[in-house]
């Protein structure tokens, strides 16, 4: 399950937010996996890859729902300050809302 702040749910529903950056000790999801977002429903995980937050570009930030990489990093710092301090690995999780044809 992927949890999101309520402020992101509309962007996910519209298809404007198709990825999320998560900090984990180890990879918790894999490409091809199905998951769930409360308030959205079933999703399909298309890609999971480690990323370096310092290397993120503005183009990387757009599918995450942010206009700039700096804005994305600011949000991640506010959410994950403790995990960043502990050296957790950042992972880009690319997803899409699962259509009925995906579940067949």
PDB file of N, CA and C in Angstrom:
ATOM      1  N   UNK A   1       0.844  -1.166   0.000  1.00  0.00           N
ATOM      2  CA  UNK A   1       0.000   0.000   0.000  1.00  0.00           C
ATOM      3  C   UNK A   1       0.897   1.240   0.000  1.00  0.00           C
ATOM      4  N   UNK A   2       0.506   2.233  -0.788  1.00  0.00           N
ATOM      5  CA  UNK A   2       1.191   3.523  -0.795  1.00  0.00           C
ATOM      6  C   UNK A   2       0.260   4.564  -0.195  1.00  0.00           C
ATOM      7  N   UNK A   3       0.729   5.245   0.817  1.00  0.00           N
ATOM      8  CA  UNK A   3      -0.061   6.298   1.447  1.00  0.00           C
ATOM      9  C   UNK A   3       0.408   7.648   0.931  1.00  0.00           C
ATOM     10  N   UNK A   4      -0.546   8.551   0.690  1.00  0.00           N
ATOM     11  CA  UNK A   4      -0.255   9.892   0.213  1.00  0.00           C
ATOM     12  C   UNK A   4      -1.011  10.896   1.053  1.00  0.00           C
ATOM     13  N   UNK A   5      -0.458  12.100   1.165  1.00  0.00           N
ATOM     14  CA  UNK A   5      -1.186  13.199   1.782  1.00  0.00           C
ATOM     15  C   UNK A   5      -2.394  13.504   0.896  1.00  0.00           C
ATOM     16  N   UNK A   6      -3.480  13.942   1.517  1.00  0.00           N
ATOM     17  CA  UNK A   6      -4.711  14.238   0.771  1.00  0.00           C
ATOM     18  C   UNK A   6      -4.479  15.237  -0.350  1.00  0.00           C
ATOM     19  N   UNK A   7      -3.545  16.174  -0.165  1.00  0.00           N
ATOM     20  CA  UNK A   7      -3.320  17.207  -1.175  1.00  0.00           C
ATOM     21  C   UNK A   7      -2.841  16.636  -2.512  1.00  0.00           C
ATOM     22  N   UNK A   8      -2.376  15.376  -2.535  1.00  0.00           N
ATOM     23  CA  UNK A   8      -1.890  14.764  -3.769  1.00  0.00           C
ATOM     24  C   UNK A   8      -2.935  13.907  -4.484  1.00  0.00           C
ATOM     25  N   UNK A   9      -4.037  13.592  -3.841  1.00  0.00           N
ATOM     26  CA  UNK A   9      -4.989  12.633  -4.404  1.00  0.00           C
ATOM     27  C   UNK A   9      -5.628  13.106  -5.711  1.00  0.00           C
ATOM     28  N   UNK A  10      -5.985  14.365  -5.808  1.00  0.00           N
ATOM     29  CA  UNK A  10      -6.591  14.863  -7.043  1.00  0.00           C
ATOM     30  C   UNK A  10      -5.601  14.759  -8.213  1.00  0.00           C
ATOM     31  N   UNK A  11      -4.348  15.118  -7.979  1.00  0.00           N
ATOM     32  CA  UNK A  11      -3.329  15.027  -9.038  1.00  0.00           C
ATOM     33  C   UNK A  11      -3.129  13.577  -9.473  1.00  0.00           C
ATOM     34  N   UNK A  12      -3.220  12.643  -8.541  1.00  0.00           N
ATOM     35  CA  UNK A  12      -3.102  11.221  -8.892  1.00  0.00           C
ATOM     36  C   UNK A  12      -4.304  10.803  -9.739  1.00  0.00           C
ATOM     37  N   UNK A  13      -5.501  11.186  -9.310  1.00  0.00           N
ATOM     38  CA  UNK A  13      -6.713  10.844 -10.072  1.00  0.00           C
ATOM     39  C   UNK A  13      -6.666  11.400 -11.493  1.00  0.00           C
ATOM     40  N   UNK A  14      -6.168  12.621 -11.638  1.00  0.00           N
ATOM     41  CA  UNK A  14      -6.076  13.265 -12.959  1.00  0.00           C
ATOM     42  C   UNK A  14      -4.963  12.692 -13.815  1.00  0.00           C
ATOM     43  N   UNK A  15      -4.055  11.946 -13.206  1.00  0.00           N
ATOM     44  CA  UNK A  15      -2.915  11.415 -13.952  1.00  0.00           C
ATOM     45  C   UNK A  15      -1.749  12.385 -14.015  1.00  0.00           C
ATOM     46  N   UNK A  16      -1.799  13.462 -13.240  1.00  0.00           N
ATOM     47  CA  UNK A  16      -0.709  14.431 -13.202  1.00  0.00           C
ATOM     48  C   UNK A  16       0.443  13.945 -12.322  1.00  0.00           C
ATOM     49  N   UNK A  17       0.134  13.150 -11.327  1.00  0.00           N
ATOM     50  CA  UNK A  17       1.156  12.586 -10.429  1.00  0.00           C
ATOM     51  C   UNK A  17       1.222  11.094 -10.691  1.00  0.00           C
ATOM     52  N   UNK A  18       2.308  10.673 -11.294  1.00  0.00           N
ATOM     53  CA  UNK A  18       2.466   9.270 -11.689  1.00  0.00           C
ATOM     54  C   UNK A  18       3.692   8.623 -11.065  1.00  0.00           C
ATOM     55  N   UNK A  19       4.302   9.324 -10.147  1.00  0.00           N
ATOM     56  CA  UNK A  19       5.439   8.743  -9.433  1.00  0.00           C
ATOM     57  C   UNK A  19       5.521   9.342  -8.043  1.00  0.00           C
ATOM     58  N   UNK A  20       6.284   8.681  -7.209  1.00  0.00           N
ATOM     59  CA  UNK A  20       6.548   9.164  -5.863  1.00  0.00           C
ATOM     60  C   UNK A  20       7.971   8.770  -5.503  1.00  0.00           C
ATOM     61  N   UNK A  21       8.604   9.590  -4.704  1.00  0.00           N
ATOM     62  CA  UNK A  21       9.929   9.268  -4.181  1.00  0.00           C
ATOM     63  C   UNK A  21       9.724   8.823  -2.740  1.00  0.00           C
ATOM     64  N   UNK A  22      10.231   7.652  -2.417  1.00  0.00           N
ATOM     65  CA  UNK A  22      10.103   7.100  -1.066  1.00  0.00           C
ATOM     66  C   UNK A  22      11.487   6.792  -0.514  1.00  0.00           C
ATOM     67  N   UNK A  23      11.662   6.960   0.780  1.00  0.00           N
ATOM     68  CA  UNK A  23      12.911   6.615   1.428  1.00  0.00           C
ATOM     69  C   UNK A  23      12.711   5.333   2.224  1.00  0.00           C
ATOM     70  N   UNK A  24      13.491   4.332   1.865  1.00  0.00           N
ATOM     71  CA  UNK A  24      13.405   3.016   2.492  1.00  0.00           C
ATOM     72  C   UNK A  24      14.806   2.512   2.796  1.00  0.00           C
ATOM     73  N   UNK A  25      14.904   1.632   3.757  1.00  0.00           N
ATOM     74  CA  UNK A  25      16.192   0.960   4.025  1.00  0.00           C
ATOM     75  C   UNK A  25      16.550   0.039   2.863  1.00  0.00           C
ATOM     76  N   UNK A  26      15.530  -0.581   2.278  1.00  0.00           N
ATOM     77  CA  UNK A  26      15.709  -1.466   1.130  1.00  0.00           C
ATOM     78  C   UNK A  26      14.460  -1.330   0.259  1.00  0.00           C
ATOM     79  N   UNK A  27      14.570  -1.793  -0.971  1.00  0.00           N
ATOM     80  CA  UNK A  27      13.449  -1.707  -1.915  1.00  0.00           C
ATOM     81  C   UNK A  27      12.262  -2.502  -1.372  1.00  0.00           C
ATOM     82  N   UNK A  28      11.117  -1.847  -1.294  1.00  0.00           N
ATOM     83  CA  UNK A  28       9.910  -2.498  -0.756  1.00  0.00           C
ATOM     84  C   UNK A  28       8.912  -2.884  -1.829  1.00  0.00           C
ATOM     85  N   UNK A  29       9.124  -2.407  -3.051  1.00  0.00           N
ATOM     86  CA  UNK A  29       8.195  -2.707  -4.143  1.00  0.00           C
ATOM     87  C   UNK A  29       8.996  -3.096  -5.369  1.00  0.00           C
ATOM     88  N   UNK A  30       8.326  -3.754  -6.296  1.00  0.00           N
ATOM     89  CA  UNK A  30       8.963  -4.187  -7.544  1.00  0.00           C
ATOM     90  C   UNK A  30       8.062  -3.842  -8.733  1.00  0.00           C
ATOM     91  N   UNK A  31       8.692  -3.645  -9.870  1.00  0.00           N
ATOM     92  CA  UNK A  31       7.941  -3.417 -11.105  1.00  0.00           C
ATOM     93  C   UNK A  31       7.033  -4.612 -11.366  1.00  0.00           C
ATOM     94  N   UNK A  32       5.829  -4.336 -11.838  1.00  0.00           N
ATOM     95  CA  UNK A  32       4.862  -5.387 -12.130  1.00  0.00           C
ATOM     96  C   UNK A  32       3.938  -5.691 -10.968  1.00  0.00           C
ATOM     97  N   UNK A  33       4.289  -5.220  -9.802  1.00  0.00           N
ATOM     98  CA  UNK A  33       3.487  -5.459  -8.604  1.00  0.00           C
ATOM     99  C   UNK A  33       2.213  -4.621  -8.650  1.00  0.00           C
ATOM    100  N   UNK A  34       1.170  -5.124  -8.033  1.00  0.00           N
ATOM    101  CA  UNK A  34      -0.052  -4.344  -7.836  1.00  0.00           C
ATOM    102  C   UNK A  34      -0.039  -3.851  -6.400  1.00  0.00           C
ATOM    103  N   UNK A  35      -0.588  -2.669  -6.211  1.00  0.00           N
ATOM    104  CA  UNK A  35      -0.667  -2.104  -4.873  1.00  0.00           C
ATOM    105  C   UNK A  35      -1.968  -1.331  -4.761  1.00  0.00           C
ATOM    106  N   UNK A  36      -2.085  -0.513  -3.731  1.00  0.00           N
ATOM    107  CA  UNK A  36      -3.332   0.174  -3.445  1.00  0.00           C
ATOM    108  C   UNK A  36      -3.023   1.533  -2.836  1.00  0.00           C
ATOM    109  N   UNK A  37      -3.773   2.554  -3.258  1.00  0.00           N
ATOM    110  CA  UNK A  37      -3.699   3.878  -2.655  1.00  0.00           C
ATOM    111  C   UNK A  37      -5.071   4.176  -2.062  1.00  0.00           C
ATOM    112  N   UNK A  38      -5.166   4.315  -0.732  1.00  0.00           N
ATOM    113  CA  UNK A  38      -6.450   4.656  -0.128  1.00  0.00           C
ATOM    114  C   UNK A  38      -6.995   5.955  -0.733  1.00  0.00           C
ATOM    115  N   UNK A  39      -8.261   5.935  -1.101  1.00  0.00           N
ATOM    116  CA  UNK A  39      -8.882   7.084  -1.724  1.00  0.00           C
ATOM    117  C   UNK A  39      -8.756   7.096  -3.238  1.00  0.00           C
ATOM    118  N   UNK A  40      -7.927   6.209  -3.780  1.00  0.00           N
ATOM    119  CA  UNK A  40      -7.712   6.103  -5.234  1.00  0.00           C
ATOM    120  C   UNK A  40      -8.131   4.730  -5.732  1.00  0.00           C
ATOM    121  N   UNK A  41      -7.601   3.696  -5.103  1.00  0.00           N
ATOM    122  CA  UNK A  41      -7.884   2.322  -5.511  1.00  0.00           C
ATOM    123  C   UNK A  41      -6.627   1.591  -5.917  1.00  0.00           C
ATOM    124  N   UNK A  42      -6.810   0.572  -6.736  1.00  0.00           N
ATOM    125  CA  UNK A  42      -5.702  -0.287  -7.160  1.00  0.00           C
ATOM    126  C   UNK A  42      -4.788   0.450  -8.123  1.00  0.00           C
ATOM    127  N   UNK A  43      -3.487   0.189  -7.982  1.00  0.00           N
ATOM    128  CA  UNK A  43      -2.493   0.755  -8.891  1.00  0.00           C
ATOM    129  C   UNK A  43      -1.565  -0.353  -9.364  1.00  0.00           C
ATOM    130  N   UNK A  44      -0.897  -0.087 -10.470  1.00  0.00           N
ATOM    131  CA  UNK A  44       0.107  -0.990 -11.015  1.00  0.00           C
ATOM    132  C   UNK A  44       1.453  -0.283 -10.894  1.00  0.00           C
ATOM    133  N   UNK A  45       2.450  -0.960 -10.365  1.00  0.00           N
ATOM    134  CA  UNK A  45       3.792  -0.393 -10.237  1.00  0.00           C
ATOM    135  C   UNK A  45       4.543  -0.682 -11.535  1.00  0.00           C
ATOM    136  N   UNK A  46       4.903   0.368 -12.248  1.00  0.00           N
ATOM    137  CA  UNK A  46       5.611   0.217 -13.518  1.00  0.00           C
ATOM    138  C   UNK A  46       7.125   0.140 -13.352  1.00  0.00           C
ATOM    139  N   UNK A  47       7.650   0.887 -12.380  1.00  0.00           N
ATOM    140  CA  UNK A  47       9.106   0.927 -12.226  1.00  0.00           C
ATOM    141  C   UNK A  47       9.455   1.336 -10.801  1.00  0.00           C
ATOM    142  N   UNK A  48      10.506   0.755 -10.260  1.00  0.00           N
ATOM    143  CA  UNK A  48      11.064   1.148  -8.967  1.00  0.00           C
ATOM    144  C   UNK A  48      12.568   1.186  -9.153  1.00  0.00           C
ATOM    145  N   UNK A  49      13.167   2.357  -8.861  1.00  0.00           N
ATOM    146  CA  UNK A  49      14.611   2.487  -9.059  1.00  0.00           C
ATOM    147  C   UNK A  49      15.208   3.411  -8.006  1.00  0.00           C
ATOM    148  N   UNK A  50      16.431   3.095  -7.577  1.00  0.00           N
ATOM    149  CA  UNK A  50      17.090   3.988  -6.633  1.00  0.00           C
ATOM    150  C   UNK A  50      17.442   5.304  -7.317  1.00  0.00           C
ATOM    151  N   UNK A  51      17.354   6.396  -6.582  1.00  0.00           N
ATOM    152  CA  UNK A  51      17.718   7.713  -7.108  1.00  0.00           C
ATOM    153  C   UNK A  51      18.534   8.460  -6.053  1.00  0.00           C
ATOM    154  N   UNK A  52      19.319   9.391  -6.530  1.00  0.00           N
ATOM    155  CA  UNK A  52      20.061  10.302  -5.660  1.00  0.00           C
ATOM    156  C   UNK A  52      19.312  11.626  -5.663  1.00  0.00           C
ATOM    157  N   UNK A  53      18.851  12.063  -4.515  1.00  0.00           N
ATOM    158  CA  UNK A  53      18.025  13.269  -4.445  1.00  0.00           C
ATOM    159  C   UNK A  53      18.742  14.490  -5.016  1.00  0.00           C
ATOM    160  N   UNK A  54      20.034  14.572  -4.824  1.00  0.00           N
ATOM    161  CA  UNK A  54      20.800  15.720  -5.328  1.00  0.00           C
ATOM    162  C   UNK A  54      20.830  15.754  -6.859  1.00  0.00           C
ATOM    163  N   UNK A  55      20.653  14.605  -7.501  1.00  0.00           N
ATOM    164  CA  UNK A  55      20.723  14.528  -8.962  1.00  0.00           C
ATOM    165  C   UNK A  55      19.374  14.746  -9.649  1.00  0.00           C
ATOM    166  N   UNK A  56      18.295  14.872  -8.882  1.00  0.00           N
ATOM    167  CA  UNK A  56      16.973  15.052  -9.485  1.00  0.00           C
ATOM    168  C   UNK A  56      16.912  16.383 -10.228  1.00  0.00           C
ATOM    169  N   UNK A  57      16.279  16.353 -11.391  1.00  0.00           N
ATOM    170  CA  UNK A  57      16.124  17.555 -12.212  1.00  0.00           C
ATOM    171  C   UNK A  57      14.672  18.031 -12.152  1.00  0.00           C
ATOM    172  N   UNK A  58      14.428  19.207 -12.720  1.00  0.00           N
ATOM    173  CA  UNK A  58      13.053  19.699 -12.787  1.00  0.00           C
ATOM    174  C   UNK A  58      12.177  18.734 -13.579  1.00  0.00           C
ATOM    175  N   UNK A  59      12.740  18.120 -14.619  1.00  0.00           N
ATOM    176  CA  UNK A  59      11.981  17.133 -15.413  1.00  0.00           C
ATOM    177  C   UNK A  59      11.613  15.919 -14.558  1.00  0.00           C
ATOM    178  N   UNK A  60      12.476  15.537 -13.621  1.00  0.00           N
ATOM    179  CA  UNK A  60      12.162  14.433 -12.707  1.00  0.00           C
ATOM    180  C   UNK A  60      11.035  14.807 -11.753  1.00  0.00           C
ATOM    181  N   UNK A  61      10.943  16.082 -11.407  1.00  0.00           N
ATOM    182  CA  UNK A  61       9.959  16.541 -10.418  1.00  0.00           C
ATOM    183  C   UNK A  61       8.543  16.606 -10.985  1.00  0.00           C
ATOM    184  N   UNK A  62       8.401  16.856 -12.283  1.00  0.00           N
ATOM    185  CA  UNK A  62       7.070  17.042 -12.879  1.00  0.00           C
ATOM    186  C   UNK A  62       6.126  15.860 -12.675  1.00  0.00           C
ATOM    187  N   UNK A  63       6.543  14.606 -12.984  1.00  0.00           N
ATOM    188  CA  UNK A  63       5.597  13.497 -12.773  1.00  0.00           C
ATOM    189  C   UNK A  63       5.322  13.211 -11.296  1.00  0.00           C
ATOM    190  N   UNK A  64       6.084  13.875 -10.422  1.00  0.00           N
ATOM    191  CA  UNK A  64       5.844  13.745  -8.990  1.00  0.00           C
ATOM    192  C   UNK A  64       4.900  14.830  -8.492  1.00  0.00           C
ATOM    193  N   UNK A  65       4.479  15.721  -9.414  1.00  0.00           N
ATOM    194  CA  UNK A  65       3.532  16.759  -9.045  1.00  0.00           C
ATOM    195  C   UNK A  65       4.169  18.055  -8.583  1.00  0.00           C
ATOM    196  N   UNK A  66       5.454  18.234  -8.850  1.00  0.00           N
ATOM    197  CA  UNK A  66       6.168  19.440  -8.443  1.00  0.00           C
ATOM    198  C   UNK A  66       6.734  20.137  -9.665  1.00  0.00           C
ATOM    199  N   UNK A  67       6.795  21.461  -9.611  1.00  0.00           N
ATOM    200  CA  UNK A  67       7.299  22.226 -10.750  1.00  0.00           C
ATOM    201  C   UNK A  67       8.815  22.198 -10.846  1.00  0.00           C
ATOM    202  N   UNK A  68       9.488  22.080  -9.697  1.00  0.00           N
ATOM    203  CA  UNK A  68      10.958  22.087  -9.703  1.00  0.00           C
ATOM    204  C   UNK A  68      11.509  20.990  -8.803  1.00  0.00           C
ATOM    205  N   UNK A  69      12.741  20.608  -9.075  1.00  0.00           N
ATOM    206  CA  UNK A  69      13.420  19.619  -8.243  1.00  0.00           C
ATOM    207  C   UNK A  69      13.621  20.170  -6.833  1.00  0.00           C
ATOM    208  N   UNK A  70      13.879  21.463  -6.730  1.00  0.00           N
ATOM    209  CA  UNK A  70      14.053  22.063  -5.400  1.00  0.00           C
ATOM    210  C   UNK A  70      12.777  21.953  -4.574  1.00  0.00           C
ATOM    211  N   UNK A  71      11.625  22.179  -5.197  1.00  0.00           N
ATOM    212  CA  UNK A  71      10.340  22.048  -4.488  1.00  0.00           C
ATOM    213  C   UNK A  71      10.119  20.608  -4.049  1.00  0.00           C
ATOM    214  N   UNK A  72      10.467  19.658  -4.901  1.00  0.00           N
ATOM    215  CA  UNK A  72      10.343  18.240  -4.547  1.00  0.00           C
ATOM    216  C   UNK A  72      11.263  17.900  -3.382  1.00  0.00           C
ATOM    217  N   UNK A  73      12.520  18.337  -3.457  1.00  0.00           N
ATOM    218  CA  UNK A  73      13.467  18.060  -2.368  1.00  0.00           C
ATOM    219  C   UNK A  73      13.012  18.692  -1.053  1.00  0.00           C
ATOM    220  N   UNK A  74      12.428  19.889  -1.130  1.00  0.00           N
ATOM    221  CA  UNK A  74      11.911  20.552   0.068  1.00  0.00           C
ATOM    222  C   UNK A  74      10.810  19.723   0.725  1.00  0.00           C
ATOM    223  N   UNK A  75       9.887  19.215  -0.092  1.00  0.00           N
ATOM    224  CA  UNK A  75       8.802  18.372   0.423  1.00  0.00           C
ATOM    225  C   UNK A  75       9.354  17.087   1.036  1.00  0.00           C
ATOM    226  N   UNK A  76      10.301  16.469   0.343  1.00  0.00           N
ATOM    227  CA  UNK A  76      10.892  15.229   0.855  1.00  0.00           C
ATOM    228  C   UNK A  76      11.602  15.469   2.180  1.00  0.00           C
ATOM    229  N   UNK A  77      12.283  16.596   2.291  1.00  0.00           N
ATOM    230  CA  UNK A  77      12.971  16.929   3.540  1.00  0.00           C
ATOM    231  C   UNK A  77      11.971  17.129   4.667  1.00  0.00           C
ATOM    232  N   UNK A  78      10.829  17.743   4.376  1.00  0.00           N
ATOM    233  CA  UNK A  78       9.832  17.957   5.429  1.00  0.00           C
ATOM    234  C   UNK A  78       9.184  16.643   5.869  1.00  0.00           C
ATOM    235  N   UNK A  79       9.036  15.712   4.938  1.00  0.00           N
ATOM    236  CA  UNK A  79       8.406  14.425   5.260  1.00  0.00           C
ATOM    237  C   UNK A  79       9.408  13.450   5.882  1.00  0.00           C
ATOM    238  N   UNK A  80      10.613  13.414   5.336  1.00  0.00           N
ATOM    239  CA  UNK A  80      11.577  12.361   5.657  1.00  0.00           C
ATOM    240  C   UNK A  80      12.846  12.845   6.349  1.00  0.00           C
ATOM    241  N   UNK A  81      12.810  13.963   7.060  1.00  0.00           N
ATOM    242  CA  UNK A  81      14.025  14.515   7.663  1.00  0.00           C
ATOM    243  C   UNK A  81      14.794  13.466   8.477  1.00  0.00           C
ATOM    244  N   UNK A  82      14.079  12.714   9.286  1.00  0.00           N
ATOM    245  CA  UNK A  82      14.725  11.708  10.137  1.00  0.00           C
ATOM    246  C   UNK A  82      15.354  10.593   9.294  1.00  0.00           C
ATOM    247  N   UNK A  83      14.633  10.130   8.290  1.00  0.00           N
ATOM    248  CA  UNK A  83      15.156   9.055   7.439  1.00  0.00           C
ATOM    249  C   UNK A  83      16.344   9.545   6.612  1.00  0.00           C
ATOM    250  N   UNK A  84      16.303  10.803   6.160  1.00  0.00           N
ATOM    251  CA  UNK A  84      17.446  11.358   5.430  1.00  0.00           C
ATOM    252  C   UNK A  84      18.675  11.390   6.322  1.00  0.00           C
ATOM    253  N   UNK A  85      18.488  11.801   7.571  1.00  0.00           N
ATOM    254  CA  UNK A  85      19.591  11.869   8.527  1.00  0.00           C
ATOM    255  C   UNK A  85      20.169  10.487   8.813  1.00  0.00           C
ATOM    256  N   UNK A  86      19.320   9.451   8.729  1.00  0.00           N
ATOM    257  CA  UNK A  86      19.771   8.084   8.998  1.00  0.00           C
ATOM    258  C   UNK A  86      20.326   7.389   7.763  1.00  0.00           C
ATOM    259  N   UNK A  87      20.323   8.088   6.608  1.00  0.00           N
ATOM    260  CA  UNK A  87      20.936   7.534   5.406  1.00  0.00           C
ATOM    261  C   UNK A  87      20.076   6.557   4.624  1.00  0.00           C
ATOM    262  N   UNK A  88      18.773   6.634   4.765  1.00  0.00           N
ATOM    263  CA  UNK A  88      17.887   5.766   3.984  1.00  0.00           C
ATOM    264  C   UNK A  88      18.074   6.034   2.492  1.00  0.00           C
ATOM    265  N   UNK A  89      17.831   5.025   1.665  1.00  0.00           N
ATOM    266  CA  UNK A  89      17.938   5.140   0.206  1.00  0.00           C
ATOM    267  C   UNK A  89      16.637   5.698  -0.374  1.00  0.00           C
ATOM    268  N   UNK A  90      16.759   6.621  -1.324  1.00  0.00           N
ATOM    269  CA  UNK A  90      15.591   7.153  -2.025  1.00  0.00           C
ATOM    270  C   UNK A  90      15.288   6.265  -3.232  1.00  0.00           C
ATOM    271  N   UNK A  91      14.013   5.967  -3.434  1.00  0.00           N
ATOM    272  CA  UNK A  91      13.556   5.170  -4.569  1.00  0.00           C
ATOM    273  C   UNK A  91      12.455   5.929  -5.300  1.00  0.00           C
ATOM    274  N   UNK A  92      12.537   5.920  -6.627  1.00  0.00           N
ATOM    275  CA  UNK A  92      11.471   6.464  -7.468  1.00  0.00           C
ATOM    276  C   UNK A  92      10.511   5.309  -7.768  1.00  0.00           C
ATOM    277  N   UNK A  93       9.238   5.502  -7.435  1.00  0.00           N
ATOM    278  CA  UNK A  93       8.203   4.509  -7.697  1.00  0.00           C
ATOM    279  C   UNK A  93       7.270   5.100  -8.754  1.00  0.00           C
ATOM    280  N   UNK A  94       7.283   4.515  -9.944  1.00  0.00           N
ATOM    281  CA  UNK A  94       6.426   4.974 -11.040  1.00  0.00           C
ATOM    282  C   UNK A  94       5.206   4.056 -11.069  1.00  0.00           C
ATOM    283  N   UNK A  95       4.027   4.667 -11.076  1.00  0.00           N
ATOM    284  CA  UNK A  95       2.795   3.880 -10.972  1.00  0.00           C
ATOM    285  C   UNK A  95       1.729   4.435 -11.897  1.00  0.00           C
ATOM    286  N   UNK A  96       0.678   3.646 -12.065  1.00  0.00           N
ATOM    287  CA  UNK A  96      -0.504   4.105 -12.780  1.00  0.00           C
ATOM    288  C   UNK A  96      -1.716   3.474 -12.124  1.00  0.00           C
ATOM    289  N   UNK A  97      -2.821   4.209 -12.194  1.00  0.00           N
ATOM    290  CA  UNK A  97      -4.066   3.670 -11.652  1.00  0.00           C
ATOM    291  C   UNK A  97      -4.443   2.465 -12.488  1.00  0.00           C
ATOM    292  N   UNK A  98      -4.784   1.394 -11.829  1.00  0.00           N
ATOM    293  CA  UNK A  98      -5.101   0.146 -12.522  1.00  0.00           C
ATOM    294  C   UNK A  98      -6.482   0.242 -13.147  1.00  0.00           C
ATOM    295  N   UNK A  99      -6.510   0.038 -14.447  1.00  0.00           N
ATOM    296  CA  UNK A  99      -7.800   0.022 -15.141  1.00  0.00           C
ATOM    297  C   UNK A  99      -8.407  -1.373 -15.011  1.00  0.00           C
ATOM    298  N   UNK A 100      -9.673  -1.492 -15.349  1.00  0.00           N
ATOM    299  CA  UNK A 100     -10.328  -2.797 -15.278  1.00  0.00           C
ATOM    300  C   UNK A 100      -9.665  -3.804 -16.201  1.00  0.00           C
ATOM    301  N   UNK A 101      -9.148  -3.341 -17.339  1.00  0.00           N
ATOM    302  CA  UNK A 101      -8.487  -4.276 -18.270  1.00  0.00           C
ATOM    303  C   UNK A 101      -7.165  -4.772 -17.708  1.00  0.00           C
ATOM    304  N   UNK A 102      -6.526  -4.007 -16.794  1.00  0.00           N
ATOM    305  CA  UNK A 102      -5.285  -4.454 -16.142  1.00  0.00           C
ATOM    306  C   UNK A 102      -5.533  -5.627 -15.206  1.00  0.00           C
ATOM    307  N   UNK A 103      -6.743  -5.704 -14.652  1.00  0.00           N
ATOM    308  CA  UNK A 103      -7.016  -6.724 -13.640  1.00  0.00           C
ATOM    309  C   UNK A 103      -7.479  -8.037 -14.241  1.00  0.00           C
ATOM    310  N   UNK A 104      -7.665  -8.075 -15.532  1.00  0.00           N
ATOM    311  CA  UNK A 104      -8.142  -9.318 -16.149  1.00  0.00           C
ATOM    312  C   UNK A 104      -7.003 -10.253 -16.449  1.00  0.00           C
TER     313      UNK A 104
END
